[in-house]
Amino acid sequence: MSKYLTAGILLFLVLIQACNKPAGLSSQSTERLTAWVDPFIGTGFHGHTFPGAAFPFGQVQVSPDNGTQGWDWCSGYHYSDSVIAGFSHLHLSGTGIGDLCDISFLPLSCEPEIRKGESNRDFLKRYAAKFTHENEYAEPGYYSVMLGNDIKVEITVTERVGFQKYVFPEQGPENLLINLGFAINWDKPYKTEISLADSFTVTGVRLSHGWAEDQHVFFVTRFSEPVKSWSVTEIGGKARTAGIFRFAAKELLVKTALSSVSIENAIENLDSSAPGWDFGAVKNAASDAWEKELSKITIKAPGNDQKKIFYSALYHTMIAPSLFSDENGEFKGVKGDVQKAEGYKRYTVFSLWDTYRALHPLFTIIQGDRVNDMVKSMLDHFRQTGLLPVWELEGNETFCMVGNHAIS
């Protein structure tokens, strides 16, 4: 798993750089380190990474999903694929089991036909958009693709909000499918709801069983343009709710925030993290956040390939653990109740069997403030369960792999 195997090398290089840096030598540089990051590294072979937009340790990761089932699609995306079934808001990076890919959006330039008895997967086979890698681009905090249906999609993020921009072709309708029935691996929704709160706002909930035994996702979405009409249906059976939203604008901005507790908390996350509509400013802020994190380690390398490998690996170390508590500190407890982080941020996705050897020691060097919150998150898990986390995921203990490496 690329993220975890490279963490030890990164830790070694940090120590070497720290020991060999001459006294008084400035670390200031005009070079932008984000330029050396290639988010597509790890999306091929068995890397299980995703290319979409993420914020350092952020609450959302918005990325394309191919809709293909299989081990190489643990992140929802694999470089060998050629279709996109949607852009969802939660993703795992580098794991050996697939889950998440929740709250999937797919812009459409046609009116979809709902066929009785058709599975969600078969429906998406008819409407998933073809794409080529020549029309795809990614950098830290930003992703874009021109779909085969001539819709251009751009994605960026804040710490808590996914921000999408759709440009529709001149011909055809401007529709958006919100597909809560989309799932990967053995994830299965058991309760889904979509409502139109007002002409600019959609709210909803997706509860599911999967690798995360009981995952709760509440969401709010705001549009820059009013909804002209909408309809809601089930695609693929019970608890596979999908909403089709129709607009009269060739350019549409879409902001989405999540919560594991409530729609009200998701609204607060959205309002506090992304109050405006300046897509470019949000993109630049995400890039600056990554630049700040990557700049904690500077290297001298004989060639560009080494810089690309190093900073792409360093980038992948800072996607998880991801923020789990809401703006008000609340988060879903292991038993499904509401817990609150007092004076710290609660994190999730603790793949400790993979990360305890090198990734967390690296964090003690470059993520001092977050390490304290991560330790408090582990202690909270102990308070709730009587056990330090083994492999914690979205407020669930998966008990994946042997041992209890949080003790280390």
Protein backbone atom coordinates (compact mmCIF):
# COMPACT_ATOMS: atom_id res chain seq x y z
CA MET A 1 0.00 0.00 0.00
CA SER A 2 1.88 3.04 -1.32
CA LYS A 3 1.04 5.52 1.44
CA TYR A 4 2.20 3.29 4.26
CA LEU A 5 5.26 1.77 2.65
CA THR A 6 6.68 5.18 1.77
CA ALA A 7 6.13 6.66 5.23
CA GLY A 8 9.27 4.98 6.59
CA ILE A 9 11.36 6.36 3.74
CA LEU A 10 9.89 9.82 4.33
CA LEU A 11 10.73 9.64 8.04
CA PHE A 12 14.30 8.63 7.27
CA LEU A 13 14.73 11.47 4.78
CA VAL A 14 13.31 13.99 7.25
CA LEU A 15 15.86 13.01 9.85
CA ILE A 16 18.73 13.09 7.34
CA GLN A 17 17.64 16.52 6.07
CA ALA A 18 17.33 17.87 9.62
CA CYS A 19 20.79 16.59 10.57
CA ASN A 20 22.54 17.88 7.45
CA LYS A 21 20.90 21.28 7.12
CA PRO A 22 23.57 23.97 7.76
CA ALA A 23 22.87 26.34 10.61
CA GLY A 24 21.20 29.55 9.52
CA LEU A 25 20.26 28.19 6.08
CA SER A 26 16.86 29.57 5.07
CA SER A 27 14.20 27.10 3.99
CA GLN A 28 12.43 29.86 2.00
CA SER A 29 12.01 29.08 -1.67
CA THR A 30 10.07 30.53 -4.56
CA GLU A 31 9.48 27.02 -5.87
CA ARG A 32 5.93 25.80 -5.32
CA LEU A 33 6.10 22.26 -4.00
CA THR A 34 2.52 21.41 -5.00
CA ALA A 35 3.80 21.44 -8.60
CA TRP A 36 5.71 18.23 -7.83
CA VAL A 37 2.66 16.32 -6.62
CA ASP A 38 0.95 13.93 -9.02
CA PRO A 39 -2.33 12.72 -7.45
CA PHE A 40 -2.59 10.03 -10.15
CA ILE A 41 0.37 8.17 -8.66
CA GLY A 42 -1.09 5.10 -6.95
CA THR A 43 -4.32 5.05 -8.97
CA GLY A 44 -2.96 2.25 -11.18
CA PHE A 45 -1.79 -1.30 -10.42
CA HIS A 46 -2.67 -2.03 -6.75
CA GLY A 47 -2.14 1.44 -5.25
CA HIS A 48 -5.80 2.06 -4.34
CA THR A 49 -5.48 5.86 -4.27
CA PHE A 50 -7.86 8.39 -5.81
CA PRO A 51 -7.10 11.48 -7.95
CA GLY A 52 -9.80 13.85 -6.74
CA ALA A 53 -9.72 16.94 -4.55
CA ALA A 54 -8.83 16.61 -0.88
CA PHE A 55 -7.82 19.04 1.88
CA PRO A 56 -5.02 18.09 4.29
CA PHE A 57 -6.71 15.70 6.76
CA GLY A 58 -10.06 17.19 5.67
CA GLN A 59 -13.60 16.02 6.28
CA VAL A 60 -14.45 15.50 2.58
CA GLN A 61 -12.60 14.00 -0.38
CA VAL A 62 -14.45 14.62 -3.65
CA SER A 63 -13.32 12.34 -6.45
CA PRO A 64 -14.58 10.45 -9.50
CA ASP A 65 -15.81 6.87 -9.16
CA ASN A 66 -15.79 4.45 -12.06
CA GLY A 67 -18.66 2.31 -10.78
CA THR A 68 -16.58 -0.82 -11.33
CA GLN A 69 -16.53 -3.46 -8.61
CA GLY A 70 -13.29 -5.19 -7.66
CA TRP A 71 -10.27 -5.05 -5.38
CA ASP A 72 -8.41 -2.55 -7.54
CA TRP A 73 -11.33 -0.13 -7.12
CA CYS A 74 -11.07 0.11 -3.31
CA SER A 75 -10.84 3.90 -3.65
CA GLY A 76 -13.65 3.98 -6.21
CA TYR A 77 -11.26 4.79 -9.09
CA HIS A 78 -8.65 2.91 -11.10
CA TYR A 79 -6.50 4.38 -13.85
CA SER A 80 -7.29 1.50 -16.21
CA ASP A 81 -10.97 2.49 -16.36
CA SER A 82 -12.61 4.74 -18.92
CA VAL A 83 -15.99 5.71 -17.44
CA ILE A 84 -17.15 7.87 -14.54
CA ALA A 85 -20.34 6.89 -12.71
CA GLY A 86 -20.31 9.88 -10.38
CA PHE A 87 -18.34 12.16 -8.09
CA SER A 88 -18.76 11.20 -4.45
CA HIS A 89 -17.70 12.95 -1.26
CA LEU A 90 -15.87 10.40 0.92
CA HIS A 91 -12.92 8.26 -0.14
CA LEU A 92 -10.32 5.90 1.30
CA SER A 93 -6.73 6.17 0.12
CA GLY A 94 -4.34 3.23 -0.03
CA THR A 95 -6.50 0.73 1.86
CA GLY A 96 -6.90 -2.95 1.03
CA ILE A 97 -10.68 -2.94 1.51
CA GLY A 98 -13.14 -0.65 -0.23
CA ASP A 99 -15.90 1.44 1.34
CA LEU A 100 -17.27 5.01 1.45
CA CYS A 101 -17.84 6.70 -1.96
CA ASP A 102 -20.94 8.23 -0.38
CA ILE A 103 -23.23 10.97 -1.75
CA SER A 104 -22.58 10.53 -5.46
CA PHE A 105 -23.29 13.32 -7.98
CA LEU A 106 -23.46 12.87 -11.76
CA PRO A 107 -24.20 15.81 -14.10
CA LEU A 108 -26.25 14.81 -17.14
CA SER A 109 -27.04 16.47 -20.46
CA CYS A 110 -30.08 14.24 -20.98
CA GLU A 111 -33.23 13.21 -19.15
CA PRO A 112 -32.54 9.80 -17.56
CA GLU A 113 -35.02 6.98 -18.06
CA ILE A 114 -35.88 5.03 -14.92
CA ARG A 115 -36.60 1.36 -15.67
CA LYS A 116 -38.60 -0.67 -13.20
CA GLY A 117 -36.59 -3.46 -11.59
CA GLU A 118 -33.25 -2.22 -12.91
CA SER A 119 -30.34 -2.31 -10.48
CA ASN A 120 -28.47 0.86 -9.60
CA ARG A 121 -25.37 -0.56 -11.21
CA ASP A 122 -27.15 -1.37 -14.47
CA PHE A 123 -28.72 2.09 -14.51
CA LEU A 124 -25.26 3.63 -14.25
CA LYS A 125 -23.98 1.47 -17.08
CA ARG A 126 -26.40 3.38 -19.29
CA TYR A 127 -25.55 6.86 -18.00
CA ALA A 128 -21.94 6.73 -16.78
CA ALA A 129 -19.85 9.16 -18.82
CA LYS A 130 -16.87 8.10 -20.87
CA PHE A 131 -13.65 10.04 -20.44
CA THR A 132 -9.98 9.95 -21.42
CA HIS A 133 -6.95 10.75 -19.30
CA GLU A 134 -5.94 13.38 -21.86
CA ASN A 135 -8.98 15.36 -20.70
CA GLU A 136 -8.30 14.82 -17.01
CA TYR A 137 -6.15 16.91 -14.65
CA ALA A 138 -5.37 16.87 -10.94
CA GLU A 139 -3.25 18.77 -8.45
CA PRO A 140 -3.47 19.02 -4.64
CA GLY A 141 -6.92 20.36 -3.80
CA TYR A 142 -8.23 20.38 -7.38
CA TYR A 143 -9.48 17.97 -10.06
CA SER A 144 -11.03 18.51 -13.49
CA VAL A 145 -12.27 16.37 -16.34
CA MET A 146 -14.09 16.89 -19.62
CA LEU A 147 -16.66 14.12 -19.82
CA GLY A 148 -17.63 12.36 -23.01
CA ASN A 149 -21.06 14.01 -22.82
CA ASP A 150 -19.29 17.40 -23.17
CA ILE A 151 -19.86 18.43 -19.56
CA LYS A 152 -16.79 19.94 -17.92
CA VAL A 153 -16.42 19.14 -14.23
CA GLU A 154 -14.10 20.99 -11.84
CA ILE A 155 -13.74 20.12 -8.16
CA THR A 156 -12.06 21.78 -5.21
CA VAL A 157 -12.48 21.62 -1.43
CA THR A 158 -12.25 23.41 1.88
CA GLU A 159 -11.57 21.58 5.13
CA ARG A 160 -15.25 20.64 5.39
CA VAL A 161 -16.89 21.33 2.01
CA GLY A 162 -16.76 19.86 -1.47
CA PHE A 163 -17.11 22.52 -4.20
CA GLN A 164 -17.98 21.47 -7.75
CA LYS A 165 -18.37 23.45 -10.96
CA TYR A 166 -20.25 22.08 -13.97
CA VAL A 167 -20.26 23.65 -17.43
CA PHE A 168 -22.92 22.08 -19.63
CA PRO A 169 -22.84 21.94 -23.45
CA GLU A 170 -24.91 24.37 -25.50
CA GLN A 171 -27.30 21.64 -26.60
CA GLY A 172 -29.30 19.53 -24.16
CA PRO A 173 -30.73 19.94 -20.65
CA GLU A 174 -28.76 20.77 -17.50
CA ASN A 175 -29.52 17.97 -15.04
CA LEU A 176 -27.88 16.63 -11.91
CA LEU A 177 -28.35 13.13 -10.48
CA ILE A 178 -27.76 12.73 -6.74
CA ASN A 179 -27.48 8.98 -6.34
CA LEU A 180 -27.59 7.71 -2.75
CA GLY A 181 -27.88 4.13 -3.99
CA PHE A 182 -24.37 4.12 -5.43
CA ALA A 183 -22.14 1.76 -3.44
CA ILE A 184 -18.88 -0.17 -3.70
CA ASN A 185 -17.63 -3.39 -2.16
CA TRP A 186 -20.24 -4.82 0.25
CA ASP A 187 -21.57 -1.41 1.33
CA LYS A 188 -25.39 -1.39 1.32
CA PRO A 189 -27.60 1.56 2.25
CA TYR A 190 -30.48 0.80 4.61
CA LYS A 191 -31.97 4.30 4.84
CA THR A 192 -31.73 7.13 2.32
CA GLU A 193 -33.63 10.39 2.00
CA ILE A 194 -33.45 13.41 -0.30
CA SER A 195 -35.46 16.63 0.19
CA LEU A 196 -35.56 20.02 -1.49
CA ALA A 197 -35.35 22.48 1.40
CA ASP A 198 -35.73 25.50 -0.91
CA SER A 199 -35.05 26.24 -4.58
CA PHE A 200 -31.30 26.44 -3.93
CA THR A 201 -30.82 23.79 -1.23
CA VAL A 202 -31.01 20.00 -1.03
CA THR A 203 -30.68 18.00 2.18
CA GLY A 204 -30.49 14.28 2.75
CA VAL A 205 -29.26 11.29 4.68
CA ARG A 206 -27.53 8.01 3.82
CA LEU A 207 -27.20 5.27 6.44
CA SER A 208 -25.43 2.08 5.39
CA HIS A 209 -23.89 -1.21 6.42
CA GLY A 210 -20.51 -2.13 4.98
CA TRP A 211 -16.93 -2.41 6.12
CA ALA A 212 -18.00 0.42 8.39
CA GLU A 213 -20.73 -1.57 10.11
CA ASP A 214 -23.07 1.38 10.66
CA GLN A 215 -22.11 4.51 8.74
CA HIS A 216 -24.15 7.70 9.07
CA VAL A 217 -23.87 10.48 6.48
CA PHE A 218 -26.09 13.55 6.58
CA PHE A 219 -25.56 16.17 3.89
CA VAL A 220 -26.59 19.57 2.60
CA THR A 221 -26.03 20.83 -0.94
CA ARG A 222 -26.42 24.40 -2.14
CA PHE A 223 -26.62 25.47 -5.78
CA SER A 224 -25.65 28.78 -7.35
CA GLU A 225 -28.76 28.59 -9.55
CA PRO A 226 -32.35 27.72 -8.59
CA VAL A 227 -33.76 24.27 -9.20
CA LYS A 228 -36.25 24.48 -12.07
CA SER A 229 -37.85 21.12 -11.29
CA TRP A 230 -36.96 17.93 -9.49
CA SER A 231 -38.09 14.39 -8.89
CA VAL A 232 -37.10 11.65 -6.48
CA THR A 233 -37.20 7.92 -7.04
CA GLU A 234 -35.52 4.67 -6.06
CA ILE A 235 -33.01 3.22 -8.50
CA GLY A 236 -32.22 -0.38 -7.65
CA GLY A 237 -34.70 -1.08 -4.89
CA LYS A 238 -35.43 -0.06 -1.33
CA ALA A 239 -33.13 2.54 0.24
CA ARG A 240 -31.56 3.36 -3.14
CA THR A 241 -32.96 6.88 -3.31
CA ALA A 242 -31.94 9.13 -6.18
CA GLY A 243 -32.90 12.71 -6.94
CA ILE A 244 -32.91 14.28 -10.39
CA PHE A 245 -32.54 18.07 -10.30
CA ARG A 246 -33.13 20.20 -13.39
CA PHE A 247 -31.68 23.65 -14.00
CA ALA A 248 -31.80 26.40 -16.61
CA ALA A 249 -28.16 27.48 -16.51
CA LYS A 250 -25.14 26.38 -18.51
CA GLU A 251 -22.81 26.92 -15.54
CA LEU A 252 -23.66 25.52 -12.13
CA LEU A 253 -21.72 25.76 -8.86
CA VAL A 254 -22.46 23.12 -6.22
CA LYS A 255 -21.32 23.12 -2.58
CA THR A 256 -21.80 20.11 -0.29
CA ALA A 257 -21.03 19.55 3.39
CA LEU A 258 -21.40 16.37 5.42
CA SER A 259 -21.99 15.36 9.02
CA SER A 260 -22.14 12.04 10.83
CA VAL A 261 -24.72 13.53 13.23
CA SER A 262 -27.39 15.66 11.55
CA ILE A 263 -28.45 17.82 8.63
CA GLU A 264 -28.29 20.84 10.96
CA ASN A 265 -24.62 20.13 11.66
CA ALA A 266 -23.93 19.71 7.93
CA ILE A 267 -25.48 23.16 7.34
CA GLU A 268 -23.27 24.67 10.03
CA ASN A 269 -20.21 23.00 8.47
CA LEU A 270 -21.13 24.47 5.09
CA ASP A 271 -21.83 27.97 6.38
CA SER A 272 -18.63 28.14 8.42
CA SER A 273 -16.26 26.61 5.87
CA ALA A 274 -17.48 27.90 2.49
CA PRO A 275 -19.82 30.89 2.80
CA GLY A 276 -19.12 32.38 -0.65
CA TRP A 277 -19.22 31.33 -4.31
CA ASP A 278 -15.70 32.21 -5.48
CA PHE A 279 -14.53 28.87 -6.88
CA GLY A 280 -11.11 30.20 -7.83
CA ALA A 281 -10.48 31.58 -4.35
CA VAL A 282 -11.40 28.25 -2.74
CA LYS A 283 -9.14 26.40 -5.17
CA ASN A 284 -6.24 28.74 -4.37
CA ALA A 285 -6.84 28.40 -0.63
CA ALA A 286 -6.77 24.59 -0.91
CA SER A 287 -3.53 24.78 -2.88
CA ASP A 288 -2.02 27.10 -0.26
CA ALA A 289 -3.04 24.71 2.53
CA TRP A 290 -1.21 21.89 0.76
CA GLU A 291 1.80 24.12 0.09
CA LYS A 292 2.03 24.88 3.79
CA GLU A 293 2.01 21.19 4.69
CA LEU A 294 4.44 20.09 1.97
CA SER A 295 6.84 22.91 2.87
CA LYS A 296 7.49 21.30 6.24
CA ILE A 297 10.01 19.13 4.43
CA THR A 298 12.34 20.46 1.74
CA ILE A 299 14.72 18.22 -0.16
CA LYS A 300 17.55 18.54 -2.63
CA ALA A 301 17.34 16.01 -5.42
CA PRO A 302 19.49 15.39 -8.51
CA GLY A 303 16.45 15.22 -10.79
CA ASN A 304 12.80 16.08 -11.12
CA ASP A 305 11.67 12.46 -10.88
CA GLN A 306 12.89 12.21 -7.29
CA LYS A 307 11.02 15.38 -6.32
CA LYS A 308 7.85 14.11 -7.96
CA ILE A 309 8.07 10.76 -6.17
CA PHE A 310 8.89 12.34 -2.82
CA TYR A 311 6.23 15.05 -2.74
CA SER A 312 3.55 12.80 -4.20
CA ALA A 313 4.27 10.33 -1.41
CA LEU A 314 4.27 13.08 1.21
CA TYR A 315 0.95 14.33 -0.15
CA HIS A 316 -0.59 10.88 0.23
CA THR A 317 0.44 10.72 3.90
CA MET A 318 -1.81 13.69 4.70
CA ILE A 319 -5.20 12.52 3.41
CA ALA A 320 -5.97 10.33 6.43
CA PRO A 321 -6.69 10.24 9.30
CA SER A 322 -9.50 12.57 8.24
CA LEU A 323 -11.58 15.04 10.20
CA PHE A 324 -14.70 13.47 11.69
CA SER A 325 -16.11 15.94 14.22
CA ASP A 326 -18.32 18.77 13.02
CA GLU A 327 -17.79 22.49 13.49
CA ASN A 328 -19.57 22.26 16.85
CA GLY A 329 -17.46 19.28 17.92
CA GLU A 330 -20.17 16.63 17.57
CA PHE A 331 -19.67 13.26 15.87
CA LYS A 332 -21.29 9.84 15.67
CA GLY A 333 -20.32 7.52 18.51
CA VAL A 334 -19.52 3.83 18.12
CA LYS A 335 -23.02 2.93 19.38
CA GLY A 336 -24.70 5.41 17.03
CA ASP A 337 -25.18 8.07 19.69
CA VAL A 338 -23.95 11.66 19.55
CA GLN A 339 -20.54 12.31 21.06
CA LYS A 340 -18.69 15.63 21.36
CA ALA A 341 -15.01 16.47 21.11
CA GLU A 342 -14.27 19.14 23.72
CA GLY A 343 -11.20 21.21 22.93
CA TYR A 344 -9.90 19.07 20.08
CA LYS A 345 -10.80 17.79 16.62
CA ARG A 346 -11.97 14.19 16.35
CA TYR A 347 -10.36 12.19 13.54
CA THR A 348 -11.33 8.94 11.82
CA VAL A 349 -9.78 6.33 9.47
CA PHE A 350 -7.13 4.87 11.75
CA SER A 351 -5.49 2.12 9.70
CA LEU A 352 -3.11 1.41 12.54
CA TRP A 353 -1.89 -2.01 11.39
CA ASP A 354 -0.45 -0.16 8.39
CA THR A 355 0.52 3.17 9.94
CA TYR A 356 1.91 2.67 13.43
CA ARG A 357 5.45 1.81 12.28
CA ALA A 358 6.29 4.91 10.26
CA LEU A 359 3.37 7.22 9.44
CA HIS A 360 2.51 8.17 13.01
CA PRO A 361 6.18 8.64 13.97
CA LEU A 362 6.43 10.96 10.94
CA PHE A 363 3.44 12.90 12.24
CA THR A 364 5.25 13.55 15.53
CA ILE A 365 7.82 15.49 13.50
CA ILE A 366 5.63 17.41 11.04
CA GLN A 367 2.11 17.32 12.57
CA GLY A 368 2.64 18.12 16.23
CA ASP A 369 -0.72 19.80 16.81
CA ARG A 370 -2.68 17.15 14.95
CA VAL A 371 -0.89 14.32 16.75
CA ASN A 372 -2.38 15.53 20.02
CA ASP A 373 -5.86 15.47 18.49
CA MET A 374 -5.26 12.04 16.96
CA VAL A 375 -4.18 10.65 20.32
CA LYS A 376 -7.25 12.17 21.96
CA SER A 377 -9.36 10.58 19.21
CA MET A 378 -7.86 7.18 20.05
CA LEU A 379 -8.46 7.73 23.75
CA ASP A 380 -12.06 8.67 23.02
CA HIS A 381 -12.44 5.39 21.16
CA PHE A 382 -11.10 3.63 24.27
CA ARG A 383 -13.57 5.54 26.44
CA GLN A 384 -16.45 4.35 24.27
CA THR A 385 -15.37 0.76 23.69
CA GLY A 386 -12.83 -0.17 26.37
CA LEU A 387 -10.29 -0.81 23.61
CA LEU A 388 -7.85 1.39 21.74
CA PRO A 389 -8.74 1.45 18.03
CA VAL A 390 -7.70 -1.52 15.90
CA TRP A 391 -8.96 -0.20 12.54
CA GLU A 392 -11.45 2.59 13.19
CA LEU A 393 -13.62 3.78 10.29
CA GLU A 394 -16.29 6.50 10.36
CA GLY A 395 -17.21 5.91 14.00
CA ASN A 396 -17.01 2.12 13.74
CA GLU A 397 -14.49 -0.48 14.87
CA THR A 398 -13.84 -2.87 11.99
CA PHE A 399 -11.37 -5.11 13.92
CA CYS A 400 -9.48 -5.48 10.63
CA MET A 401 -6.09 -7.24 10.84
CA VAL A 402 -4.51 -8.78 13.94
CA GLY A 403 -3.17 -7.15 17.06
CA ASN A 404 -3.82 -3.77 18.66
CA HIS A 405 -1.14 -1.48 17.27
CA ALA A 406 -2.47 1.68 18.90
CA ILE A 407 -0.68 0.42 22.02
CA SER A 408 2.62 0.96 20.23
